[in-house]
Amino acid sequence: MFVSALRSGGGASRQVLRLVLQGRATPLFGNALWQEYEDLLGRDVWTSATTPQERRQVLAALAQAGRWVTVYYGWRPNLPDEGDNHLIELAVAGNAQAIVTYNVRDLARGELTWPYLPILTPAQYLEQQP
């Protein structure tokens, strides 16, 4: 969602990012997710909608707006992509209200499930906001 929020001038991802930067939503961060975000800065996935400096500034603002969570217990929900397991573990450890992602299908297919942890697209998340 971080990439899609910065690649275009509008859309649901950008609106969720705005909520975060306005202090109306709080993202959770852990080691694995933060390393992914930092790695994304160096990948060739960006458009000319933002500059490298602007992307670093947004990431710094996200760090200030978010809450760092230490994951002490690895649940291993056994998602189709092993690299996604840390997202569920972070959400459970941080008592998240939802996981907001475009990867809803894969994140909902784990062997372990948490019925009270919705996995939502950015648009679905925005629909639930007051």
C-alpha atoms as a PDB file:
ATOM      1  CA  MET A   1       0.000   0.000   0.000  1.00  0.00           C
ATOM      2  CA  PHE A   2       2.954   2.350   0.686  1.00  0.00           C
ATOM      3  CA  VAL A   3       4.039   2.157  -2.945  1.00  0.00           C
ATOM      4  CA  SER A   4       0.561   2.621  -4.400  1.00  0.00           C
ATOM      5  CA  ALA A   5      -0.086   5.603  -2.106  1.00  0.00           C
ATOM      6  CA  LEU A   6       2.967   7.392  -3.486  1.00  0.00           C
ATOM      7  CA  ARG A   7       2.759   6.324  -7.114  1.00  0.00           C
ATOM      8  CA  SER A   8      -0.445   8.151  -7.890  1.00  0.00           C
ATOM      9  CA  GLY A   9      -2.076  11.409  -6.919  1.00  0.00           C
ATOM     10  CA  GLY A  10      -5.280   9.890  -5.612  1.00  0.00           C
ATOM     11  CA  GLY A  11      -7.019   6.682  -4.753  1.00  0.00           C
ATOM     12  CA  ALA A  12      -7.817   4.811  -1.586  1.00  0.00           C
ATOM     13  CA  SER A  13      -4.178   4.149  -0.643  1.00  0.00           C
ATOM     14  CA  ARG A  14      -3.395   7.843  -0.756  1.00  0.00           C
ATOM     15  CA  GLN A  15      -6.458   8.588   1.377  1.00  0.00           C
ATOM     16  CA  VAL A  16      -5.383   6.033   3.998  1.00  0.00           C
ATOM     17  CA  LEU A  17      -1.902   7.594   4.004  1.00  0.00           C
ATOM     18  CA  ARG A  18      -3.499  10.996   4.588  1.00  0.00           C
ATOM     19  CA  LEU A  19      -5.464   9.615   7.562  1.00  0.00           C
ATOM     20  CA  VAL A  20      -2.221   8.352   9.055  1.00  0.00           C
ATOM     21  CA  LEU A  21      -0.380  11.625   8.522  1.00  0.00           C
ATOM     22  CA  GLN A  22      -3.327  13.529  10.028  1.00  0.00           C
ATOM     23  CA  GLY A  23      -3.181  11.336  13.135  1.00  0.00           C
ATOM     24  CA  ARG A  24      -6.554   9.719  12.439  1.00  0.00           C
ATOM     25  CA  ALA A  25      -5.110   6.215  11.954  1.00  0.00           C
ATOM     26  CA  THR A  26      -2.060   4.594  13.535  1.00  0.00           C
ATOM     27  CA  PRO A  27       0.008   2.087  11.581  1.00  0.00           C
ATOM     28  CA  LEU A  28       1.943  -0.607  13.404  1.00  0.00           C
ATOM     29  CA  PHE A  29       5.571  -1.294  12.573  1.00  0.00           C
ATOM     30  CA  GLY A  30       7.866  -4.172  13.406  1.00  0.00           C
ATOM     31  CA  ASN A  31      11.368  -5.068  12.268  1.00  0.00           C
ATOM     32  CA  ALA A  32      10.334  -7.116   9.240  1.00  0.00           C
ATOM     33  CA  LEU A  33       7.774  -4.619   7.940  1.00  0.00           C
ATOM     34  CA  TRP A  34      10.089  -1.654   8.442  1.00  0.00           C
ATOM     35  CA  GLN A  35      12.874  -3.424   6.548  1.00  0.00           C
ATOM     36  CA  GLU A  36      10.428  -4.052   3.694  1.00  0.00           C
ATOM     37  CA  TYR A  37       9.545  -0.360   3.557  1.00  0.00           C
ATOM     38  CA  GLU A  38      13.194   0.680   3.573  1.00  0.00           C
ATOM     39  CA  ASP A  39      13.941  -1.876   0.857  1.00  0.00           C
ATOM     40  CA  LEU A  40      11.093  -0.484  -1.251  1.00  0.00           C
ATOM     41  CA  LEU A  41      12.819   2.887  -1.376  1.00  0.00           C
ATOM     42  CA  GLY A  42      15.614   1.367  -3.450  1.00  0.00           C
ATOM     43  CA  ARG A  43      13.481  -0.689  -5.824  1.00  0.00           C
ATOM     44  CA  ASP A  44      12.599   0.231  -9.379  1.00  0.00           C
ATOM     45  CA  VAL A  45       8.838   0.470  -8.751  1.00  0.00           C
ATOM     46  CA  TRP A  46       8.408   4.223  -8.563  1.00  0.00           C
ATOM     47  CA  THR A  47       6.894   6.682 -11.006  1.00  0.00           C
ATOM     48  CA  SER A  48       7.825  10.331 -11.380  1.00  0.00           C
ATOM     49  CA  ALA A  49       4.917  11.256  -9.063  1.00  0.00           C
ATOM     50  CA  THR A  50       7.417  11.483  -6.181  1.00  0.00           C
ATOM     51  CA  THR A  51      11.133  12.050  -5.824  1.00  0.00           C
ATOM     52  CA  PRO A  52      13.429   9.816  -3.746  1.00  0.00           C
ATOM     53  CA  GLN A  53      13.698  12.606  -1.160  1.00  0.00           C
ATOM     54  CA  GLU A  54       9.907  12.931  -0.926  1.00  0.00           C
ATOM     55  CA  ARG A  55       9.576   9.169  -0.428  1.00  0.00           C
ATOM     56  CA  ARG A  56      12.138   9.259   2.398  1.00  0.00           C
ATOM     57  CA  GLN A  57      10.271  12.177   3.984  1.00  0.00           C
ATOM     58  CA  VAL A  58       6.963  10.298   3.856  1.00  0.00           C
ATOM     59  CA  LEU A  59       8.589   7.225   5.379  1.00  0.00           C
ATOM     60  CA  ALA A  60      10.021   9.377   8.182  1.00  0.00           C
ATOM     61  CA  ALA A  61       6.571  10.879   8.783  1.00  0.00           C
ATOM     62  CA  LEU A  62       5.081   7.377   8.885  1.00  0.00           C
ATOM     63  CA  ALA A  63       7.662   6.399  11.492  1.00  0.00           C
ATOM     64  CA  GLN A  64       6.569   9.309  13.664  1.00  0.00           C
ATOM     65  CA  ALA A  65       2.864   8.588  13.182  1.00  0.00           C
ATOM     66  CA  GLY A  66       3.129   4.857  13.765  1.00  0.00           C
ATOM     67  CA  ARG A  67       3.584   2.626  16.759  1.00  0.00           C
ATOM     68  CA  TRP A  68       6.509   0.238  17.030  1.00  0.00           C
ATOM     69  CA  VAL A  69       5.504  -3.275  18.117  1.00  0.00           C
ATOM     70  CA  THR A  70       7.837  -6.003  19.247  1.00  0.00           C
ATOM     71  CA  VAL A  71       6.672  -9.451  18.212  1.00  0.00           C
ATOM     72  CA  TYR A  72       7.561 -11.853  20.999  1.00  0.00           C
ATOM     73  CA  TYR A  73       5.672 -14.871  19.729  1.00  0.00           C
ATOM     74  CA  GLY A  74       5.739 -16.278  16.204  1.00  0.00           C
ATOM     75  CA  TRP A  75       2.301 -17.614  15.337  1.00  0.00           C
ATOM     76  CA  ARG A  76       3.234 -18.746  11.816  1.00  0.00           C
ATOM     77  CA  PRO A  77      -0.225 -18.704  10.255  1.00  0.00           C
ATOM     78  CA  ASN A  78       1.297 -20.541   7.261  1.00  0.00           C
ATOM     79  CA  LEU A  79       0.237 -18.162   4.546  1.00  0.00           C
ATOM     80  CA  PRO A  80       0.801 -19.054   0.883  1.00  0.00           C
ATOM     81  CA  ASP A  81       3.733 -16.603   0.853  1.00  0.00           C
ATOM     82  CA  GLU A  82       5.935 -17.321   3.877  1.00  0.00           C
ATOM     83  CA  GLY A  83       7.171 -13.735   3.676  1.00  0.00           C
ATOM     84  CA  ASP A  84       3.706 -12.456   4.636  1.00  0.00           C
ATOM     85  CA  ASN A  85       3.451 -14.313   7.958  1.00  0.00           C
ATOM     86  CA  HIS A  86       5.115 -11.442   9.806  1.00  0.00           C
ATOM     87  CA  LEU A  87       2.179  -9.168   8.938  1.00  0.00           C
ATOM     88  CA  ILE A  88      -0.303 -11.355  10.825  1.00  0.00           C
ATOM     89  CA  GLU A  89       2.118 -11.729  13.725  1.00  0.00           C
ATOM     90  CA  LEU A  90       2.615  -7.964  13.907  1.00  0.00           C
ATOM     91  CA  ALA A  91      -1.129  -7.323  13.822  1.00  0.00           C
ATOM     92  CA  VAL A  92      -1.808  -9.870  16.567  1.00  0.00           C
ATOM     93  CA  ALA A  93       1.056  -8.615  18.762  1.00  0.00           C
ATOM     94  CA  GLY A  94      -0.070  -5.008  18.337  1.00  0.00           C
ATOM     95  CA  ASN A  95      -3.771  -5.737  18.808  1.00  0.00           C
ATOM     96  CA  ALA A  96      -4.506  -4.172  15.411  1.00  0.00           C
ATOM     97  CA  GLN A  97      -8.038  -3.244  14.461  1.00  0.00           C
ATOM     98  CA  ALA A  98      -7.413  -4.376  10.869  1.00  0.00           C
ATOM     99  CA  ILE A  99      -4.758  -5.185   8.303  1.00  0.00           C
ATOM    100  CA  VAL A 100      -5.048  -2.822   5.345  1.00  0.00           C
ATOM    101  CA  THR A 101      -3.551  -4.275   2.182  1.00  0.00           C
ATOM    102  CA  TYR A 102      -4.221  -5.083  -1.445  1.00  0.00           C
ATOM    103  CA  ASN A 103      -3.084  -8.646  -0.722  1.00  0.00           C
ATOM    104  CA  VAL A 104      -6.373  -9.614   0.972  1.00  0.00           C
ATOM    105  CA  ARG A 105      -6.704 -12.966  -0.766  1.00  0.00           C
ATOM    106  CA  ASP A 106      -3.329 -14.343   0.344  1.00  0.00           C
ATOM    107  CA  LEU A 107      -3.447 -12.951   3.881  1.00  0.00           C
ATOM    108  CA  ALA A 108      -6.855 -14.489   4.494  1.00  0.00           C
ATOM    109  CA  ARG A 109      -5.695 -17.987   3.447  1.00  0.00           C
ATOM    110  CA  GLY A 110      -3.643 -18.965   6.494  1.00  0.00           C
ATOM    111  CA  GLU A 111      -4.063 -22.182   8.413  1.00  0.00           C
ATOM    112  CA  LEU A 112      -4.494 -20.112  11.597  1.00  0.00           C
ATOM    113  CA  THR A 113      -7.151 -17.422  11.467  1.00  0.00           C
ATOM    114  CA  TRP A 114      -8.178 -14.581  13.736  1.00  0.00           C
ATOM    115  CA  PRO A 115     -11.911 -13.901  13.264  1.00  0.00           C
ATOM    116  CA  TYR A 116     -11.667 -10.486  14.927  1.00  0.00           C
ATOM    117  CA  LEU A 117      -8.800  -9.277  12.738  1.00  0.00           C
ATOM    118  CA  PRO A 118     -10.313  -8.071   9.459  1.00  0.00           C
ATOM    119  CA  ILE A 119      -8.113  -7.974   6.384  1.00  0.00           C
ATOM    120  CA  LEU A 120      -9.302  -5.071   4.261  1.00  0.00           C
ATOM    121  CA  THR A 121      -8.408  -3.295   1.064  1.00  0.00           C
ATOM    122  CA  PRO A 122      -7.750   0.425   1.477  1.00  0.00           C
ATOM    123  CA  ALA A 123     -11.203   1.176  -0.003  1.00  0.00           C
ATOM    124  CA  GLN A 124     -12.901  -1.205   2.439  1.00  0.00           C
ATOM    125  CA  TYR A 125     -11.027   0.391   5.325  1.00  0.00           C
ATOM    126  CA  LEU A 126     -12.134   3.871   4.246  1.00  0.00           C
ATOM    127  CA  GLU A 127     -15.754   2.714   4.053  1.00  0.00           C
ATOM    128  CA  GLN A 128     -15.590   1.809   7.741  1.00  0.00           C
ATOM    129  CA  GLN A 129     -14.224   5.182   8.831  1.00  0.00           C
ATOM    130  CA  PRO A 130     -16.560   7.777  10.355  1.00  0.00           C
END
